[in-house]
Amino acid sequence: MVHDLTGATWRKSTRSGSSECVEVADNLSGVVGVRDSKDATGPVLTFTPTAWRHFVANTKRG
């Protein structure tokens, strides 16, 4: 499924400092976008907000 990411506000983790990493756009309704910060015009992975919350929670637990 292709999602319209118009209006996405991309941000990096504050823990990434000045290094390149992934950016997340979680300000859109019904979709969270994830992209490589080095390739802002490249591909974007999309997740449902629920799937993204589960991913983040599991990552924090290790």
N, C-alpha and C. Protein backbone atom coordinates (compact mmCIF):
# COMPACT_ATOMS: atom_id res chain seq x y z
N MET A 1 0.84 -1.17 0.00
CA MET A 1 0.00 0.00 0.00
C MET A 1 0.90 1.25 0.00
N VAL A 2 0.54 2.20 -0.80
CA VAL A 2 1.29 3.46 -0.87
C VAL A 2 0.56 4.50 -0.02
N HIS A 3 1.31 5.16 0.85
CA HIS A 3 0.73 6.18 1.73
C HIS A 3 1.17 7.57 1.28
N ASP A 4 0.29 8.51 1.43
CA ASP A 4 0.61 9.91 1.14
C ASP A 4 1.34 10.49 2.35
N LEU A 5 2.61 10.83 2.18
CA LEU A 5 3.42 11.36 3.27
C LEU A 5 3.56 12.87 3.18
N THR A 6 2.69 13.51 2.39
CA THR A 6 2.69 14.96 2.30
C THR A 6 2.43 15.55 3.69
N GLY A 7 3.25 16.48 4.08
CA GLY A 7 3.10 17.11 5.40
C GLY A 7 3.86 16.40 6.50
N ALA A 8 4.60 15.35 6.15
CA ALA A 8 5.37 14.63 7.16
C ALA A 8 6.43 15.53 7.77
N THR A 9 6.54 15.47 9.09
CA THR A 9 7.59 16.18 9.81
C THR A 9 8.60 15.14 10.27
N TRP A 10 9.79 15.18 9.67
CA TRP A 10 10.81 14.17 9.93
C TRP A 10 11.70 14.61 11.09
N ARG A 11 12.06 13.64 11.95
CA ARG A 11 12.95 13.94 13.07
C ARG A 11 13.87 12.75 13.32
N LYS A 12 15.04 13.07 13.88
CA LYS A 12 16.00 12.04 14.29
C LYS A 12 15.93 11.91 15.79
N SER A 13 16.35 10.78 16.29
CA SER A 13 16.43 10.58 17.73
C SER A 13 17.43 11.55 18.32
N THR A 14 17.13 12.07 19.49
CA THR A 14 18.08 12.96 20.17
C THR A 14 19.33 12.19 20.57
N ARG A 15 19.25 10.89 20.67
CA ARG A 15 20.41 10.06 21.02
C ARG A 15 21.38 9.88 19.85
N SER A 16 20.96 10.23 18.65
CA SER A 16 21.83 10.03 17.49
C SER A 16 22.89 11.11 17.37
N GLY A 17 22.73 12.23 18.08
CA GLY A 17 23.70 13.31 18.00
C GLY A 17 23.81 13.84 16.59
N SER A 18 25.04 14.02 16.13
CA SER A 18 25.26 14.53 14.78
C SER A 18 25.43 13.42 13.75
N SER A 19 25.35 12.16 14.18
CA SER A 19 25.55 11.05 13.24
C SER A 19 24.31 10.85 12.36
N GLU A 20 24.54 10.20 11.25
CA GLU A 20 23.45 9.87 10.33
C GLU A 20 22.74 8.63 10.86
N CYS A 21 21.47 8.59 10.71
CA CYS A 21 20.71 7.43 11.17
C CYS A 21 19.36 7.41 10.47
N VAL A 22 18.35 6.94 11.14
CA VAL A 22 17.01 6.95 10.57
C VAL A 22 16.24 8.16 11.07
N GLU A 23 15.26 8.56 10.27
CA GLU A 23 14.36 9.63 10.65
C GLU A 23 12.95 9.05 10.69
N VAL A 24 12.14 9.58 11.59
CA VAL A 24 10.78 9.11 11.77
C VAL A 24 9.81 10.28 11.59
N ALA A 25 8.73 10.01 10.91
CA ALA A 25 7.63 10.98 10.79
C ALA A 25 6.41 10.33 11.43
N ASP A 26 6.05 10.83 12.61
CA ASP A 26 4.91 10.23 13.31
C ASP A 26 3.79 11.24 13.54
N ASN A 27 3.76 12.27 12.72
CA ASN A 27 2.74 13.31 12.86
C ASN A 27 1.55 13.13 11.92
N LEU A 28 1.55 12.07 11.14
CA LEU A 28 0.46 11.85 10.18
C LEU A 28 -0.59 10.90 10.75
N SER A 29 -1.79 11.01 10.29
CA SER A 29 -2.87 10.16 10.76
C SER A 29 -2.79 8.77 10.11
N GLY A 30 -2.69 7.75 10.94
CA GLY A 30 -2.77 6.38 10.44
C GLY A 30 -1.50 5.77 9.89
N VAL A 31 -0.39 6.51 9.90
CA VAL A 31 0.84 5.96 9.34
C VAL A 31 2.06 6.61 10.01
N VAL A 32 3.11 5.80 10.20
CA VAL A 32 4.40 6.30 10.68
C VAL A 32 5.42 5.97 9.59
N GLY A 33 6.16 6.98 9.15
CA GLY A 33 7.18 6.79 8.12
C GLY A 33 8.56 6.72 8.73
N VAL A 34 9.42 5.88 8.15
CA VAL A 34 10.81 5.74 8.59
C VAL A 34 11.68 5.77 7.35
N ARG A 35 12.74 6.61 7.39
CA ARG A 35 13.63 6.71 6.23
C ARG A 35 15.07 6.87 6.69
N ASP A 36 15.99 6.66 5.77
CA ASP A 36 17.42 6.85 6.00
C ASP A 36 17.71 8.35 5.94
N SER A 37 18.31 8.90 6.97
CA SER A 37 18.57 10.34 6.99
C SER A 37 19.57 10.78 5.93
N LYS A 38 20.36 9.86 5.42
CA LYS A 38 21.33 10.20 4.37
C LYS A 38 20.69 10.27 2.99
N ASP A 39 19.47 9.76 2.87
CA ASP A 39 18.79 9.69 1.57
C ASP A 39 17.33 10.14 1.74
N ALA A 40 17.16 11.44 1.96
CA ALA A 40 15.83 11.97 2.25
C ALA A 40 14.83 11.78 1.12
N THR A 41 15.29 11.58 -0.09
CA THR A 41 14.37 11.36 -1.21
C THR A 41 14.24 9.88 -1.57
N GLY A 42 14.88 9.04 -0.78
CA GLY A 42 14.86 7.60 -1.04
C GLY A 42 13.60 6.93 -0.51
N PRO A 43 13.64 5.62 -0.45
CA PRO A 43 12.47 4.87 -0.02
C PRO A 43 12.11 5.13 1.44
N VAL A 44 10.83 4.93 1.75
CA VAL A 44 10.31 5.11 3.10
C VAL A 44 9.58 3.84 3.51
N LEU A 45 9.90 3.33 4.68
CA LEU A 45 9.12 2.23 5.25
C LEU A 45 7.95 2.84 6.00
N THR A 46 6.79 2.22 5.93
CA THR A 46 5.63 2.73 6.65
C THR A 46 5.08 1.65 7.57
N PHE A 47 4.59 2.10 8.71
CA PHE A 47 4.04 1.23 9.73
C PHE A 47 2.73 1.83 10.24
N THR A 48 1.87 0.99 10.76
CA THR A 48 0.72 1.52 11.47
C THR A 48 1.24 2.10 12.79
N PRO A 49 0.54 3.06 13.36
CA PRO A 49 0.99 3.59 14.64
C PRO A 49 1.11 2.50 15.72
N THR A 50 0.21 1.54 15.72
CA THR A 50 0.28 0.45 16.71
C THR A 50 1.53 -0.39 16.52
N ALA A 51 1.82 -0.76 15.28
CA ALA A 51 3.02 -1.55 15.00
C ALA A 51 4.27 -0.78 15.39
N TRP A 52 4.29 0.52 15.14
CA TRP A 52 5.45 1.34 15.49
C TRP A 52 5.63 1.40 17.02
N ARG A 53 4.54 1.58 17.75
CA ARG A 53 4.63 1.61 19.22
C ARG A 53 5.17 0.29 19.75
N HIS A 54 4.72 -0.82 19.18
CA HIS A 54 5.22 -2.14 19.60
C HIS A 54 6.72 -2.26 19.29
N PHE A 55 7.13 -1.84 18.11
CA PHE A 55 8.54 -1.89 17.73
C PHE A 55 9.40 -1.09 18.71
N VAL A 56 8.99 0.14 19.00
CA VAL A 56 9.76 0.99 19.91
C VAL A 56 9.80 0.38 21.31
N ALA A 57 8.67 -0.11 21.80
CA ALA A 57 8.64 -0.70 23.14
C ALA A 57 9.55 -1.93 23.22
N ASN A 58 9.51 -2.79 22.21
CA ASN A 58 10.36 -3.98 22.20
C ASN A 58 11.83 -3.62 22.07
N THR A 59 12.14 -2.59 21.32
CA THR A 59 13.53 -2.15 21.17
C THR A 59 14.06 -1.63 22.50
N LYS A 60 13.26 -0.87 23.22
CA LYS A 60 13.68 -0.35 24.53
C LYS A 60 13.93 -1.46 25.52
N ARG A 61 13.17 -2.55 25.42
CA ARG A 61 13.36 -3.68 26.34
C ARG A 61 14.60 -4.49 25.99
N GLY A 62 15.08 -4.31 24.76
CA GLY A 62 16.28 -5.05 24.33
C GLY A 62 15.91 -6.33 23.71
